[in-house]
Amino acid sequence: MGFGRAVLFALLATVPGVILALVGWAVSGSPEEWNHTMWLSCYAPFFGCVIAGFMIGLRGGGEYGMEG
């Protein structure tokens, strides 16, 4: 359950990651030419969100159940 939840959270985290990457690209001036320094404004927000979503999904949420 933990790994499946982590993958689901990582997939859901791609949405804000894409939005943040697009904002970073726009803030950096929307350059036509790609250079190696653009990774900070485009790749870092996207993969940062995916990794954060995966880590949150892996975190143990405790056991949920009925106490009798």
Protein backbone atom coordinates (compact mmCIF):
# COMPACT_ATOMS: atom_id res chain seq x y z
CA MET A 1 0.00 0.00 0.00
CA GLY A 2 2.80 2.43 0.82
CA PHE A 3 4.60 2.16 -2.52
CA GLY A 4 1.38 2.39 -4.52
CA ARG A 5 0.32 5.45 -2.57
CA ALA A 6 3.76 7.00 -3.13
CA VAL A 7 3.51 6.45 -6.89
CA LEU A 8 0.00 7.92 -6.93
CA PHE A 9 1.13 10.99 -5.00
CA ALA A 10 4.11 11.40 -7.34
CA LEU A 11 1.82 11.26 -10.36
CA LEU A 12 -0.55 13.78 -8.82
CA ALA A 13 2.40 16.04 -7.98
CA THR A 14 3.19 16.40 -11.68
CA VAL A 15 0.32 18.88 -12.07
CA PRO A 16 1.73 21.55 -9.72
CA GLY A 17 5.21 20.63 -10.98
CA VAL A 18 4.27 21.49 -14.56
CA ILE A 19 2.64 24.73 -13.44
CA LEU A 20 5.70 25.73 -11.40
CA ALA A 21 8.02 24.84 -14.29
CA LEU A 22 5.95 26.95 -16.67
CA VAL A 23 6.00 29.88 -14.24
CA GLY A 24 9.76 29.49 -13.82
CA TRP A 25 10.23 29.47 -17.58
CA ALA A 26 8.08 32.61 -17.94
CA VAL A 27 9.85 34.42 -15.08
CA SER A 28 13.25 33.62 -16.59
CA GLY A 29 12.28 35.55 -19.70
CA SER A 30 10.84 32.75 -21.91
CA PRO A 31 14.07 32.31 -23.85
CA GLU A 32 13.89 30.73 -27.29
CA GLU A 33 17.30 29.08 -26.96
CA TRP A 34 17.81 26.39 -24.36
CA ASN A 35 21.00 26.55 -22.33
CA HIS A 36 22.31 24.45 -19.48
CA THR A 37 21.33 26.99 -16.82
CA MET A 38 17.62 26.63 -17.59
CA TRP A 39 17.44 23.40 -15.60
CA LEU A 40 17.04 25.43 -12.41
CA SER A 41 13.89 27.20 -13.58
CA CYS A 42 12.29 24.33 -15.53
CA TYR A 43 13.47 20.92 -14.34
CA ALA A 44 14.04 21.59 -10.64
CA PRO A 45 10.44 22.62 -9.80
CA PHE A 46 8.96 19.70 -11.74
CA PHE A 47 11.15 16.94 -10.36
CA GLY A 48 11.16 18.56 -6.93
CA CYS A 49 7.37 18.27 -6.79
CA VAL A 50 7.47 14.67 -8.02
CA ILE A 51 10.09 13.69 -5.44
CA ALA A 52 8.21 15.52 -2.67
CA GLY A 53 4.97 13.77 -3.63
CA PHE A 54 6.72 10.40 -3.60
CA MET A 55 8.25 11.06 -0.18
CA ILE A 56 4.91 12.19 1.26
CA GLY A 57 3.28 9.05 -0.14
CA LEU A 58 5.94 6.83 1.44
CA ARG A 59 5.50 8.40 4.84
CA GLY A 60 3.66 6.12 7.16
CA GLY A 61 0.20 7.38 7.94
CA GLY A 62 -0.32 4.92 10.73
CA GLU A 63 -2.78 2.10 10.76
CA TYR A 64 -6.40 2.97 10.35
CA GLY A 65 -9.01 0.60 11.60
CA MET A 66 -11.85 0.00 13.97
CA GLU A 67 -11.01 -0.47 17.60
CA GLY A 68 -13.13 -3.03 19.32
